[in-house]
Structure formats: structure tokens, C-alpha cells
Amino acid sequence: MFAVSVAPHAALLGLCCFLYFVVYPVIVYLRDAKGLRKFPNMTPLSGVSSLPFMIVAHGGGRSKHLAELHKTHPVIRTGPNTLSYSDSRAIKDIYGHNTKCIKDASYVLTAGSHFHLADVIDKPEHARKRKVLSSAYALKNLESWEWKVADKTAKLIAHIDTCCTAPLAPGQRMPDKDDLNLDFRAWSNFFTLDAIADIGLSDKLGFLDRGHDRVTARRTDGSKYECNLRECLYQNARKQSLLIWPYEWYPFLDKIANIIPFYGRMGKLSRDWDGIPIEFAHRRLERYQAGEKLDDFFQALMEDKNGNPNNLEWGEIVAEISIMMNAGSVTTAIAIANVLFQLLKNPEVKNKLVEELDAALEDEDMQGVVPYDRVKHLPYLRACLDESLRLFPPTPQALARETPPEGLYILDDHIAGGVSVGMSAYVAHQNEVHFPRPNEYIPERWLGEEGKNLQPYFLAFSAGARGCIGRNISYLEQTVVLASLLRRYEFALPHPQWEIERLETMNWILGPMPVKVWKRQANYA
């Protein structure tokens, strides 16, 4: 009798689900109230459901997939309410200083109790935050903090010295397996984490000293636990990148997916990450309350340049520290690993860069950290950095924006209000109109006036008023580390055809990068 009474209810529930998840989306698609049906779909079902994009995201290379599709279509509908662009003219419309677009709902979904500078949507609130933080990120401050970058570079050099082996024999193309004893990917990440913690919080994490990223974190109830920072940080972003695309369902999917071990592990690591900036903030607050006046990011959060309190809520301070430790370490570490990888894959480019460095530095900076002031204006060094950022931007995904209620024109098409629009940096950098031979590493494209003319199409740090506030600190770290290492060492990949593993989440998750390293011979100790 129980089975008989349940059956009609189950059938009714099934019918309701079919109507809601299948029939209703089809009706919305056919009704086309926002006029999006004129744009080509990523897949036949993309106008009806976000599921196809979720499937592509699980493949770990959605921006590469979009780049292929955009070779024939400047606008692609990737979801029922989402458009992807590849035509560079759309950059100004979507991201320009005067655009009426705002960050879309995805930033609300991934925010914590308080918005930080990178996810705040309200424009006046963003302006307030940027005013508070602009002094901390100003170039004059960054150069005064160069000694912190130099200190961490010296520690990186000290470790690499212990990994040095004999040079490759003449004609030897593949190093011995035992000589591949430096995971450059891991150590470049230890460097960026140690550097941003010192610059931002005057905190000595000591990853470069210890060779691991084990940290103490704090729950909101004050209890503490230990975890591996990098693992928590990257898996937190990965889960979001897989599940967020049907925005209205993400909170439910985020919770229910934890039943599946694959997502459950990422969910636990995400929660573990939440306690890391809380602990870092508490440690720094104790020093501040004890009267320490330190020249760092935290001090700028607490007081303006005249010493007046900013009176920020504690949740906002923790949120800003969280994004500082995240964006301030992840993207630069990816960039440093990427540029060395590209130079080793293109030895003629590397040799040209080393010649520029040697000519600028002569014999006086052979052993230690190269001073930033001596190399910051070297054109080929900067070109090598920018070309690596172009080829594999650390944040490849489209940073989504929402059109204003009244809509706006993008590429001469009127787009209705409330539509998510965006352009992947990877897609933008594959545009052959501006970047001929886009899959090749050609730093020369960035030199002279031609290089200046490419800047409006360069999205490695996004664009407009919401462009990355930390780009100066990233360039400082990349410049000092790359110049110092190329001045002192030679490197070799496992073999000439070796490729680093790349998994696209919100950023690239890079696999290990084992290299053989030895000290340069001529004129070097």
C-alpha cells in the first residue's frame, strides 16, 4: 500500500522536474526575451543550459576550447545568459573606464562575508576600497619594499645553489634523471608566497627556508589546525571553476557536490583555506595592537597616510588579506614559471636576453640579487615577460561583466540588460590580427612603437578601472627573480619536447617543473 501511495507523488515530482529543467528552459530560449538567439551557440544546448560549459570546464582547458571556436565566430553564446567575445573592439565596451558594465553575479557567489577589492560590485564601494588600498600598491611604495623581494630572491638563490650539478656535456640534449632535482614550479611559488606575506603583513612564512608550505590556520571559534597552503588555495579555486556556471544553482551544487569524494575533498580544502587569512590577520593585528608601526599593506588597511584610522570592519580586513595572499602570489608564481619555461623552450630568445642582462650589469652583479633599478627599463627583458603573459596569461578565463539594466552596445549589437559578457585573456591574445603567429613565443613583437600599440589588446592584468591593482608588484618580482637567476645559472628541462601540465581553473594550475641547474661558467664563480 505504501508503494502504491508514493507512486503518484513520485510521478508528479518527476513531471515537475521535467517541466522546470527541460520544458521551461526551452520556452525561455524560444521566447528569446533578451535577443540572444541570434548569436551562435557553443553547443546546440548552450542556449538552453549551462551544463555544456560545465562539461567543458571539467576538461581543464575551456579557454583553449573557446579560442578555437572564436576563430570563426567573434561572439559565442556559452550559456542561456552568457556571451563570450573575441573581437578586440569589445574590450573597451566591456572593460573600459567608462563602461556601464559591472562585475556579474559570479563575484557575489564566491565572496565571503565581506567583499574585497577584486570582487566588490558596487562602483562607489569599489572606489572607496581602491582609495584606501591605492597608497599601499603605489609604485613608490613598491620600490621602497624592494629589499623584501631581494631578501626572498636571495633565499631562492641559496636553495638553488644546493641543487647545482655539473654542466651538460657538449652535445648532451637530455640531463640525467638524478640531476632533475629542482621543481622550479614549487620553489617559484614558495618565493611569491614568502614575498607577498612580507610585503603585505611583515610576516616571515619561511617557505623558502623550510622547503614546504605547511601553515597554521584559525577557525572562527579560535581553534587552530594545520594545512598545506598551496593545496588549499588551488583546490578552492578549482571547485568554483567547475560548478559555478549555472549561477542560480551554484549554492546548491556547491553543497550537494560534497557527497561525491572528488568534490568533497575540494570542499574541505576550500574550508581549510578560509582559516589561513584569518590566522595571518590575527597575527598581524596582535603586532599592530602592541604598537608596531610597520611599512606594509596591513598598515595601509588600518590607517591612512596621515595616521588616521580607516575604521574598516574586521571581516573586510580579512577579505583583503585573503585576496592579497591569493592573487598576490598565484598569478606571479605562474608567470615566473611560465617565462623560464618559454625561455628554455626557445634558447635563441634566452641567449638574447642573457646578452642584454650581461651588457647592462657588466661584472659587478654576478653573484647575488640583481638590483631592480638596474634592469627595470631593459626592453627585451620586459618583452620576454609580456610575451609569456600573452601566450599563457595566468588568469585565462573571461572576467565576466553584467550589462546595465538598460542594456548597451557591444560591437554594434545592442545587448539587453542583465546579460553576462566577457572576453578571455587567452582568447584575446590568440587574435591573429594583433598577434600574428599567436602560438609562438616572439618577444620582439613588444619592442618599439609596435609594442606600445599592442598594449590596448593585452589583458593579462584585465583592463579599465577594474584592472589588477597589483600589476606593479608582479612586474617587480618577475623582473628581479628572472634577471637574478639568468645572471647566475643555466637550466635544462627533462628533454626538448617536454611540456608542463596545465589545468585551467580560475587560473592555471601548473604541474611540477623539474629542471637541471648549474652555475654559468664564463666569468662566474
Protein backbone atom coordinates (compact mmCIF):
# COMPACT_ATOMS: atom_id res chain seq x y z
CA MET A 1 0.00 0.00 0.00
CA PHE A 2 2.88 2.35 0.81
CA ALA A 3 4.42 1.83 -2.65
CA VAL A 4 1.07 2.47 -4.30
CA SER A 5 0.53 5.75 -2.38
CA VAL A 6 4.04 7.01 -3.13
CA ALA A 7 3.97 6.29 -6.86
CA PRO A 8 1.64 9.17 -7.87
CA HIS A 9 3.70 11.65 -5.83
CA ALA A 10 6.92 10.41 -7.40
CA ALA A 11 5.38 10.70 -10.86
CA LEU A 12 4.20 14.24 -10.08
CA LEU A 13 7.65 15.19 -8.79
CA GLY A 14 9.24 13.75 -11.92
CA LEU A 15 6.83 15.69 -14.11
CA CYS A 16 7.57 18.93 -12.25
CA CYS A 17 11.31 18.38 -12.61
CA PHE A 18 10.89 17.69 -16.34
CA LEU A 19 8.83 20.85 -16.81
CA TYR A 20 11.23 23.02 -14.78
CA PHE A 21 14.56 21.69 -16.04
CA VAL A 22 13.64 20.84 -19.64
CA VAL A 23 10.44 22.43 -20.88
CA TYR A 24 10.78 25.82 -19.16
CA PRO A 25 14.38 26.49 -20.40
CA VAL A 26 13.30 25.59 -23.94
CA ILE A 27 10.38 28.00 -23.72
CA VAL A 28 12.68 30.76 -22.42
CA TYR A 29 15.11 30.03 -25.26
CA LEU A 30 12.39 30.17 -27.91
CA ARG A 31 10.80 33.28 -26.41
CA ASP A 32 14.24 34.95 -26.55
CA ALA A 33 13.30 37.99 -24.47
CA LYS A 34 16.91 39.25 -24.46
CA GLY A 35 17.54 38.69 -28.13
CA LEU A 36 20.46 36.31 -27.65
CA ARG A 37 19.32 33.59 -30.04
CA LYS A 38 20.93 35.41 -32.97
CA PHE A 39 24.38 34.53 -31.62
CA PRO A 40 25.91 31.10 -32.40
CA ASN A 41 25.81 28.60 -29.55
CA MET A 42 28.94 26.96 -28.18
CA THR A 43 26.98 23.68 -28.43
CA PRO A 44 23.42 23.03 -29.62
CA LEU A 45 22.26 23.10 -25.99
CA SER A 46 24.20 26.15 -24.78
CA GLY A 47 21.27 28.49 -25.29
CA VAL A 48 19.14 26.31 -23.03
CA SER A 49 21.54 25.14 -20.31
CA SER A 50 24.88 25.91 -18.66
CA LEU A 51 25.61 22.19 -18.47
CA PRO A 52 27.69 22.12 -21.70
CA PHE A 53 30.01 24.80 -20.34
CA MET A 54 30.35 22.89 -17.07
CA ILE A 55 31.39 19.84 -19.08
CA VAL A 56 33.98 21.88 -20.98
CA ALA A 57 35.24 23.30 -17.68
CA HIS A 58 35.80 19.78 -16.35
CA GLY A 59 38.14 19.20 -19.30
CA GLY A 60 40.58 21.70 -17.79
CA GLY A 61 41.00 23.84 -20.91
CA ARG A 62 37.84 25.83 -21.57
CA SER A 63 39.65 28.98 -22.81
CA LYS A 64 41.57 26.96 -25.40
CA HIS A 65 38.29 25.41 -26.50
CA LEU A 66 36.72 28.86 -26.84
CA ALA A 67 39.74 30.17 -28.76
CA GLU A 68 39.19 27.52 -31.40
CA LEU A 69 35.51 28.36 -31.73
CA HIS A 70 36.24 32.08 -31.87
CA LYS A 71 38.37 31.61 -34.99
CA THR A 72 35.10 31.64 -36.93
CA HIS A 73 32.73 33.48 -34.55
CA PRO A 74 33.51 36.82 -32.80
CA VAL A 75 30.62 36.27 -30.38
CA ILE A 76 29.57 32.92 -28.90
CA ARG A 77 26.70 32.12 -26.58
CA THR A 78 28.22 29.90 -23.89
CA GLY A 79 25.13 29.69 -21.69
CA PRO A 80 21.49 30.82 -21.60
CA ASN A 81 22.52 34.30 -20.39
CA THR A 82 26.24 34.42 -21.23
CA LEU A 83 28.20 35.73 -24.20
CA SER A 84 31.90 35.29 -24.96
CA TYR A 85 33.74 37.78 -27.21
CA SER A 86 36.97 37.64 -29.19
CA ASP A 87 36.90 40.87 -31.22
CA SER A 88 39.31 43.32 -29.57
CA ARG A 89 36.91 46.20 -30.13
CA ALA A 90 34.73 44.72 -27.38
CA ILE A 91 37.42 45.28 -24.74
CA LYS A 92 36.56 48.95 -24.40
CA ASP A 93 32.81 48.26 -24.36
CA ILE A 94 33.06 45.60 -21.65
CA TYR A 95 36.07 46.62 -19.54
CA GLY A 96 36.84 50.24 -20.46
CA HIS A 97 37.00 53.05 -17.89
CA ASN A 98 33.63 54.45 -18.95
CA THR A 99 31.76 51.19 -19.35
CA LYS A 100 28.42 50.81 -17.61
CA CYS A 101 29.02 47.11 -17.11
CA ILE A 102 29.58 45.86 -13.58
CA LYS A 103 31.01 42.61 -12.27
CA ASP A 104 28.42 39.89 -12.65
CA ALA A 105 26.72 37.59 -10.13
CA SER A 106 29.62 35.12 -10.02
CA TYR A 107 31.55 37.55 -7.81
CA VAL A 108 28.72 37.62 -5.28
CA LEU A 109 28.54 33.83 -5.24
CA THR A 110 32.23 33.40 -4.44
CA ALA A 111 32.50 36.27 -1.96
CA GLY A 112 32.75 35.68 1.76
CA SER A 113 31.01 37.68 4.49
CA HIS A 114 32.65 40.85 3.11
CA PHE A 115 33.66 41.86 -0.38
CA HIS A 116 37.32 42.50 -1.15
CA LEU A 117 38.68 44.82 -3.83
CA ALA A 118 38.61 42.17 -6.56
CA ASP A 119 35.01 41.00 -6.07
CA VAL A 120 33.16 44.12 -4.90
CA ILE A 121 30.47 45.00 -7.44
CA ASP A 122 29.11 48.39 -6.34
CA LYS A 123 31.13 51.10 -8.13
CA PRO A 124 31.14 53.69 -5.29
CA GLU A 125 32.18 50.94 -2.86
CA HIS A 126 34.94 49.88 -5.24
CA ALA A 127 36.14 53.49 -5.48
CA ARG A 128 36.26 53.69 -1.65
CA LYS A 129 38.25 50.49 -1.40
CA ARG A 130 40.64 51.46 -4.17
CA LYS A 131 41.31 54.80 -2.47
CA VAL A 132 42.20 53.01 0.77
CA LEU A 133 44.45 50.50 -0.98
CA SER A 134 45.99 52.61 -3.75
CA SER A 135 48.67 54.03 -1.48
CA ALA A 136 49.70 50.53 -0.46
CA TYR A 137 50.09 49.45 -4.09
CA ALA A 138 51.61 52.69 -5.37
CA LEU A 139 54.82 52.20 -7.35
CA LYS A 140 56.83 54.43 -4.99
CA ASN A 141 55.88 52.16 -2.08
CA LEU A 142 56.68 49.01 -4.01
CA GLU A 143 60.17 50.20 -4.83
CA SER A 144 60.73 51.03 -1.15
CA TRP A 145 59.79 47.42 -0.43
CA GLU A 146 62.25 46.07 -2.99
CA TRP A 147 64.53 44.91 -0.19
CA LYS A 148 61.85 42.39 0.82
CA VAL A 149 61.78 40.99 -2.72
CA ALA A 150 65.59 40.96 -2.75
CA ASP A 151 65.65 39.09 0.56
CA LYS A 152 63.35 36.37 -0.78
CA THR A 153 65.29 36.20 -4.05
CA ALA A 154 68.48 35.64 -2.04
CA LYS A 155 66.79 32.77 -0.19
CA LEU A 156 65.65 31.26 -3.50
CA ILE A 157 69.22 31.52 -4.81
CA ALA A 158 70.55 29.88 -1.66
CA HIS A 159 68.34 26.85 -2.27
CA ILE A 160 69.08 26.66 -5.99
CA ASP A 161 72.80 26.72 -5.19
CA THR A 162 72.34 23.45 -3.30
CA CYS A 163 70.72 21.90 -6.39
CA CYS A 164 73.51 22.80 -8.81
CA THR A 165 75.16 19.97 -10.72
CA ALA A 166 77.88 19.76 -13.37
CA PRO A 167 77.13 21.42 -16.73
CA LEU A 168 75.64 19.40 -19.55
CA ALA A 169 78.33 17.69 -21.57
CA PRO A 170 78.93 19.04 -25.11
CA GLY A 171 76.18 17.68 -27.37
CA GLN A 172 74.16 16.31 -24.45
CA ARG A 173 70.47 17.15 -25.01
CA MET A 174 68.87 15.37 -22.08
CA PRO A 175 70.05 15.71 -18.48
CA ASP A 176 70.47 12.66 -16.27
CA LYS A 177 67.31 11.90 -14.33
CA ASP A 178 69.11 12.32 -10.99
CA ASP A 179 70.14 15.84 -11.99
CA LEU A 180 66.50 16.98 -12.32
CA ASN A 181 66.48 17.88 -8.65
CA LEU A 182 64.76 21.29 -8.64
CA ASP A 183 60.98 21.64 -9.01
CA PHE A 184 61.06 25.21 -10.23
CA ARG A 185 57.27 25.46 -10.16
CA ALA A 186 57.09 24.74 -6.44
CA TRP A 187 60.01 26.96 -5.48
CA SER A 188 58.85 29.92 -7.54
CA ASN A 189 55.54 29.62 -5.67
CA PHE A 190 57.33 29.46 -2.30
CA PHE A 191 59.08 32.67 -3.37
CA THR A 192 55.87 34.57 -4.23
CA LEU A 193 54.11 33.44 -1.05
CA ASP A 194 57.03 34.45 1.16
CA ALA A 195 57.34 37.76 -0.68
CA ILE A 196 53.70 38.82 -0.53
CA ALA A 197 53.42 37.83 3.13
CA ASP A 198 56.41 40.01 3.97
CA ILE A 199 55.30 42.93 1.78
CA GLY A 200 51.70 42.75 2.95
CA LEU A 201 51.96 41.63 6.57
CA SER A 202 55.63 41.81 7.56
CA ASP A 203 55.25 38.08 8.19
CA LYS A 204 58.09 35.61 7.68
CA LEU A 205 56.39 32.46 6.44
CA GLY A 206 59.73 30.76 5.86
CA PHE A 207 58.65 28.52 2.98
CA LEU A 208 61.95 29.15 1.18
CA ASP A 209 63.84 28.22 4.35
CA ARG A 210 61.84 25.09 5.09
CA GLY A 211 61.03 23.92 1.57
CA HIS A 212 57.33 23.34 2.30
CA ASP A 213 54.15 25.36 2.74
CA ARG A 214 52.69 23.85 5.91
CA VAL A 215 50.93 26.58 7.93
CA THR A 216 48.74 27.05 10.98
CA ALA A 217 45.20 28.26 10.29
CA ARG A 218 42.44 29.50 12.59
CA ARG A 219 38.73 28.74 12.65
CA THR A 220 36.22 31.46 13.51
CA ASP A 221 35.84 29.93 17.00
CA GLY A 222 39.54 30.49 17.64
CA SER A 223 40.64 26.87 17.38
CA LYS A 224 43.62 26.12 15.14
CA TYR A 225 44.69 23.45 12.68
CA GLU A 226 47.48 22.79 10.20
CA CYS A 227 47.21 22.52 6.44
CA ASN A 228 49.21 22.94 3.23
CA LEU A 229 48.61 26.44 1.92
CA ARG A 230 49.12 25.81 -1.80
CA GLU A 231 46.89 22.75 -1.88
CA CYS A 232 44.05 24.58 -0.10
CA LEU A 233 44.36 27.67 -2.27
CA TYR A 234 44.36 25.93 -5.64
CA GLN A 235 41.68 23.35 -4.91
CA ASN A 236 39.39 26.07 -3.57
CA ALA A 237 39.55 27.83 -6.94
CA ARG A 238 39.23 24.58 -8.84
CA LYS A 239 35.90 23.61 -7.31
CA GLN A 240 34.45 27.03 -8.08
CA SER A 241 35.67 26.84 -11.68
CA LEU A 242 33.86 23.54 -12.22
CA LEU A 243 30.48 24.25 -10.65
CA ILE A 244 29.75 27.97 -10.72
CA TRP A 245 28.41 28.36 -14.26
CA PRO A 246 24.68 27.92 -13.60
CA TYR A 247 24.80 30.88 -11.20
CA GLU A 248 21.32 30.39 -9.74
CA TRP A 249 22.13 26.78 -8.82
CA TYR A 250 25.71 27.21 -7.62
CA PRO A 251 24.98 27.50 -3.84
CA PHE A 252 23.02 24.23 -4.03
CA LEU A 253 25.57 22.50 -6.27
CA ASP A 254 28.44 23.62 -4.06
CA LYS A 255 26.88 21.87 -1.06
CA ILE A 256 25.36 18.79 -2.68
CA ALA A 257 28.53 18.05 -4.67
CA ASN A 258 30.40 17.37 -1.42
CA ILE A 259 28.66 13.98 -1.34
CA ILE A 260 30.94 12.96 -4.23
CA PRO A 261 34.51 12.38 -2.95
CA PHE A 262 36.07 14.23 -5.91
CA TYR A 263 34.26 17.43 -4.94
CA GLY A 264 34.13 16.70 -1.23
CA ARG A 265 37.92 16.81 -0.95
CA MET A 266 37.99 20.15 -2.76
CA GLY A 267 35.25 21.42 -0.46
CA LYS A 268 37.25 20.50 2.63
CA LEU A 269 40.37 22.18 1.29
CA SER A 270 38.31 25.26 0.47
CA ARG A 271 37.13 25.46 4.07
CA ASP A 272 40.71 24.93 5.24
CA TRP A 273 41.82 27.86 3.09
CA ASP A 274 39.29 30.16 4.81
CA GLY A 275 41.18 29.83 8.08
CA ILE A 276 44.57 30.81 6.65
CA PRO A 277 43.95 34.55 6.09
CA ILE A 278 42.09 34.67 9.41
CA GLU A 279 45.21 33.42 11.22
CA PHE A 280 47.54 35.69 9.27
CA ALA A 281 45.32 38.70 10.02
CA HIS A 282 45.18 37.87 13.75
CA ARG A 283 48.96 37.53 13.96
CA ARG A 284 49.49 40.90 12.32
CA LEU A 285 46.75 42.55 14.38
CA GLU A 286 48.47 41.50 17.60
CA ARG A 287 51.65 43.27 16.46
CA TYR A 288 49.67 46.36 15.44
CA GLN A 289 47.89 46.50 18.80
CA ALA A 290 51.26 46.12 20.53
CA GLY A 291 52.31 49.39 18.90
CA GLU A 292 54.39 48.19 15.95
CA LYS A 293 54.26 50.67 13.05
CA LEU A 294 55.34 48.67 10.03
CA ASP A 295 55.58 49.71 6.41
CA ASP A 296 53.25 47.15 4.88
CA PHE A 297 49.85 46.53 3.34
CA PHE A 298 48.19 45.87 6.70
CA GLN A 299 49.26 49.28 7.99
CA ALA A 300 47.61 50.87 4.94
CA LEU A 301 44.41 48.97 5.74
CA MET A 302 44.37 50.20 9.31
CA GLU A 303 45.40 53.84 8.78
CA ASP A 304 45.67 56.39 6.00
CA LYS A 305 48.99 58.06 5.14
CA ASN A 306 48.40 60.67 7.86
CA GLY A 307 47.85 58.05 10.55
CA ASN A 308 44.09 58.46 10.74
CA PRO A 309 42.20 55.17 11.31
CA ASN A 310 40.30 53.75 8.35
CA ASN A 311 37.86 52.01 10.73
CA LEU A 312 37.36 49.01 8.45
CA GLU A 313 35.29 46.09 9.72
CA TRP A 314 37.33 43.06 10.70
CA GLY A 315 35.66 40.93 8.04
CA GLU A 316 36.71 43.41 5.37
CA ILE A 317 40.31 43.37 6.60
CA VAL A 318 40.38 39.55 6.48
CA ALA A 319 38.84 39.61 2.99
CA GLU A 320 41.52 41.99 1.71
CA ILE A 321 44.28 39.86 3.21
CA SER A 322 42.73 36.78 1.62
CA ILE A 323 42.78 38.23 -1.89
CA MET A 324 46.26 39.66 -1.31
CA MET A 325 47.64 36.22 -0.41
CA ASN A 326 45.69 34.64 -3.27
CA ALA A 327 46.07 36.97 -6.25
CA GLY A 328 49.33 38.38 -4.90
CA SER A 329 51.06 35.02 -5.03
CA VAL A 330 49.29 32.74 -7.51
CA THR A 331 49.47 34.76 -10.71
CA THR A 332 53.07 35.90 -10.23
CA ALA A 333 54.24 32.37 -9.45
CA ILE A 334 52.55 31.12 -12.62
CA ALA A 335 54.16 33.95 -14.58
CA ILE A 336 57.67 33.23 -13.27
CA ALA A 337 57.41 29.51 -14.03
CA ASN A 338 55.94 30.23 -17.46
CA VAL A 339 58.62 32.68 -18.56
CA LEU A 340 61.51 30.41 -17.59
CA PHE A 341 59.75 27.52 -19.34
CA GLN A 342 59.36 29.58 -22.53
CA LEU A 343 62.98 30.70 -22.44
CA LEU A 344 64.22 27.13 -22.08
CA LYS A 345 61.99 26.05 -24.97
CA ASN A 346 63.35 28.93 -27.07
CA PRO A 347 67.12 29.05 -26.40
CA GLU A 348 67.79 31.71 -29.05
CA VAL A 349 65.48 34.07 -27.14
CA LYS A 350 67.10 33.16 -23.83
CA ASN A 351 70.58 33.83 -25.23
CA LYS A 352 69.49 37.24 -26.49
CA LEU A 353 68.04 38.13 -23.09
CA VAL A 354 71.18 36.99 -21.26
CA GLU A 355 73.26 39.17 -23.57
CA GLU A 356 71.09 42.16 -22.67
CA LEU A 357 71.48 41.42 -18.95
CA ASP A 358 75.24 40.94 -19.19
CA ALA A 359 75.65 44.21 -21.09
CA ALA A 360 73.60 46.12 -18.52
CA LEU A 361 75.20 44.59 -15.43
CA GLU A 362 78.77 44.01 -16.58
CA ASP A 363 80.70 42.09 -13.91
CA GLU A 364 79.54 43.69 -10.69
CA ASP A 365 76.28 41.83 -10.04
CA MET A 366 77.42 38.33 -10.89
CA GLN A 367 76.75 36.54 -7.65
CA GLY A 368 73.80 37.96 -5.80
CA VAL A 369 70.41 39.55 -6.35
CA VAL A 370 70.21 41.89 -9.32
CA PRO A 371 69.04 45.38 -8.26
CA TYR A 372 65.66 46.26 -9.73
CA ASP A 373 66.80 49.75 -10.69
CA ARG A 374 69.49 48.29 -12.95
CA VAL A 375 67.14 46.14 -15.03
CA LYS A 376 63.62 47.59 -14.78
CA HIS A 377 63.98 49.53 -18.04
CA LEU A 378 65.59 46.78 -20.13
CA PRO A 379 63.31 46.47 -23.17
CA TYR A 380 63.98 42.86 -24.10
CA LEU A 381 63.56 41.66 -20.51
CA ARG A 382 60.16 43.33 -20.31
CA ALA A 383 59.28 42.00 -23.76
CA CYS A 384 60.08 38.44 -22.64
CA LEU A 385 57.84 38.85 -19.59
CA ASP A 386 54.95 40.31 -21.59
CA GLU A 387 55.17 37.70 -24.32
CA SER A 388 54.99 34.92 -21.75
CA LEU A 389 52.00 36.64 -20.12
CA ARG A 390 50.39 36.91 -23.54
CA LEU A 391 50.97 33.30 -24.51
CA PHE A 392 49.70 31.89 -21.20
CA PRO A 393 48.00 34.62 -19.14
CA PRO A 394 47.94 33.42 -15.51
CA THR A 395 44.21 34.17 -15.36
CA PRO A 396 42.95 32.96 -18.75
CA GLN A 397 39.21 32.95 -18.12
CA ALA A 398 36.81 35.71 -19.12
CA LEU A 399 36.30 38.05 -16.17
CA ALA A 400 32.54 38.31 -16.50
CA ARG A 401 30.66 41.59 -16.51
CA GLU A 402 26.92 42.23 -16.39
CA THR A 403 25.29 44.67 -18.78
CA PRO A 404 23.33 47.57 -17.20
CA PRO A 405 19.52 47.34 -16.89
CA GLU A 406 19.01 49.46 -19.98
CA GLY A 407 21.49 47.36 -21.96
CA LEU A 408 24.37 48.68 -24.06
CA TYR A 409 26.01 48.31 -27.43
CA ILE A 410 28.90 45.86 -27.84
CA LEU A 411 30.37 45.54 -31.34
CA ASP A 412 27.39 47.49 -32.70
CA ASP A 413 24.93 44.93 -31.28
CA HIS A 414 22.52 46.09 -28.59
CA ILE A 415 22.83 43.64 -25.69
CA ALA A 416 19.91 43.58 -23.27
CA GLY A 417 20.35 44.35 -19.59
CA GLY A 418 21.43 41.67 -17.14
CA VAL A 419 23.47 39.62 -19.61
CA SER A 420 26.89 38.28 -18.56
CA VAL A 421 29.54 39.23 -21.10
CA GLY A 422 33.29 38.78 -21.15
CA MET A 423 36.48 38.15 -23.06
CA SER A 424 39.01 35.53 -22.05
CA ALA A 425 42.55 36.91 -21.90
CA TYR A 426 43.72 33.75 -23.61
CA VAL A 427 41.20 34.25 -26.41
CA ALA A 428 42.14 37.93 -26.78
CA HIS A 429 45.82 37.04 -27.03
CA GLN A 430 45.13 34.49 -29.77
CA ASN A 431 43.75 37.18 -32.08
CA GLU A 432 45.91 36.95 -35.22
CA VAL A 433 45.02 40.49 -36.29
CA HIS A 434 47.08 41.88 -33.42
CA PHE A 435 49.26 38.89 -32.61
CA PRO A 436 50.40 37.10 -35.80
CA ARG A 437 51.65 33.54 -35.17
CA PRO A 438 49.87 33.64 -31.81
CA ASN A 439 51.10 30.26 -30.58
CA GLU A 440 54.76 31.19 -30.94
CA TYR A 441 56.92 32.88 -28.31
CA ILE A 442 58.07 36.08 -30.04
CA PRO A 443 59.16 38.79 -27.55
CA GLU A 444 60.18 41.08 -30.41
CA ARG A 445 56.52 41.89 -31.05
CA TRP A 446 56.55 44.02 -27.86
CA LEU A 447 59.50 46.24 -28.82
CA GLY A 448 59.31 49.85 -30.00
CA GLU A 449 56.19 51.63 -31.19
CA GLU A 450 54.64 48.40 -32.45
CA GLY A 451 54.86 47.00 -28.95
CA LYS A 452 53.21 50.10 -27.45
CA ASN A 453 50.38 49.75 -29.95
CA LEU A 454 49.65 46.24 -28.64
CA GLN A 455 49.00 47.34 -25.05
CA PRO A 456 45.25 48.01 -25.53
CA TYR A 457 44.81 44.36 -26.53
CA PHE A 458 46.85 42.95 -23.63
CA LEU A 459 44.53 41.52 -20.95
CA ALA A 460 46.93 39.68 -18.64
CA PHE A 461 46.00 42.17 -15.90
CA SER A 462 42.47 42.84 -17.23
CA ALA A 463 41.69 46.42 -18.27
CA GLY A 464 39.97 49.63 -17.24
CA ALA A 465 39.09 50.75 -13.72
CA ARG A 466 38.91 47.13 -12.52
CA GLY A 467 42.36 46.25 -13.83
CA CYS A 468 44.72 44.46 -11.45
CA ILE A 469 45.93 46.85 -8.76
CA GLY A 470 48.92 44.59 -8.08
CA ARG A 471 50.49 44.61 -11.57
CA ASN A 472 53.44 46.74 -10.41
CA ILE A 473 54.36 44.36 -7.64
CA SER A 474 54.10 41.43 -10.04
CA TYR A 475 56.46 43.04 -12.53
CA LEU A 476 58.88 43.92 -9.71
CA GLU A 477 59.06 40.31 -8.54
CA GLN A 478 59.22 38.81 -12.03
CA THR A 479 61.95 41.22 -13.12
CA VAL A 480 64.22 40.75 -10.11
CA VAL A 481 63.87 36.96 -9.97
CA LEU A 482 64.31 36.31 -13.68
CA ALA A 483 67.28 38.66 -14.06
CA SER A 484 68.98 37.24 -10.96
CA LEU A 485 68.54 33.63 -11.98
CA LEU A 486 69.59 34.06 -15.60
CA ARG A 487 72.60 36.03 -14.49
CA ARG A 488 73.79 33.21 -12.25
CA TYR A 489 72.52 29.88 -13.65
CA GLU A 490 71.87 27.70 -16.66
CA PHE A 491 68.82 25.44 -16.68
CA ALA A 492 67.66 22.41 -18.66
CA LEU A 493 64.25 20.78 -18.99
CA PRO A 494 63.91 16.97 -18.92
CA HIS A 495 64.06 16.87 -22.75
CA PRO A 496 63.50 19.33 -25.63
CA GLN A 497 59.88 18.24 -26.22
CA TRP A 498 58.90 18.31 -22.55
CA GLU A 499 55.72 20.25 -21.73
CA ILE A 500 54.45 21.47 -18.38
CA GLU A 501 50.98 20.28 -17.36
CA ARG A 502 48.32 23.00 -17.31
CA LEU A 503 44.87 22.69 -15.76
CA GLU A 504 42.60 25.70 -16.15
CA THR A 505 40.58 26.67 -13.09
CA MET A 506 40.12 30.37 -12.37
CA ASN A 507 43.87 30.48 -13.04
CA TRP A 508 46.21 27.85 -14.46
CA ILE A 509 47.17 25.09 -12.07
CA LEU A 510 50.65 24.11 -13.22
CA GLY A 511 52.17 20.70 -12.68
CA PRO A 512 55.72 20.17 -11.41
CA MET A 513 58.57 21.66 -13.45
CA PRO A 514 61.68 19.54 -12.82
CA VAL A 515 64.86 21.16 -14.11
CA LYS A 516 68.58 20.57 -14.01
CA VAL A 517 70.50 23.65 -12.89
CA TRP A 518 74.18 24.59 -12.91
CA LYS A 519 76.16 27.78 -12.48
CA ARG A 520 77.16 29.75 -15.51
CA GLN A 521 80.78 29.19 -16.41
CA ALA A 522 82.40 32.17 -18.11
CA ASN A 523 83.28 34.90 -15.60
CA TYR A 524 81.06 33.35 -12.95
CA ALA A 525 82.03 31.52 -9.80
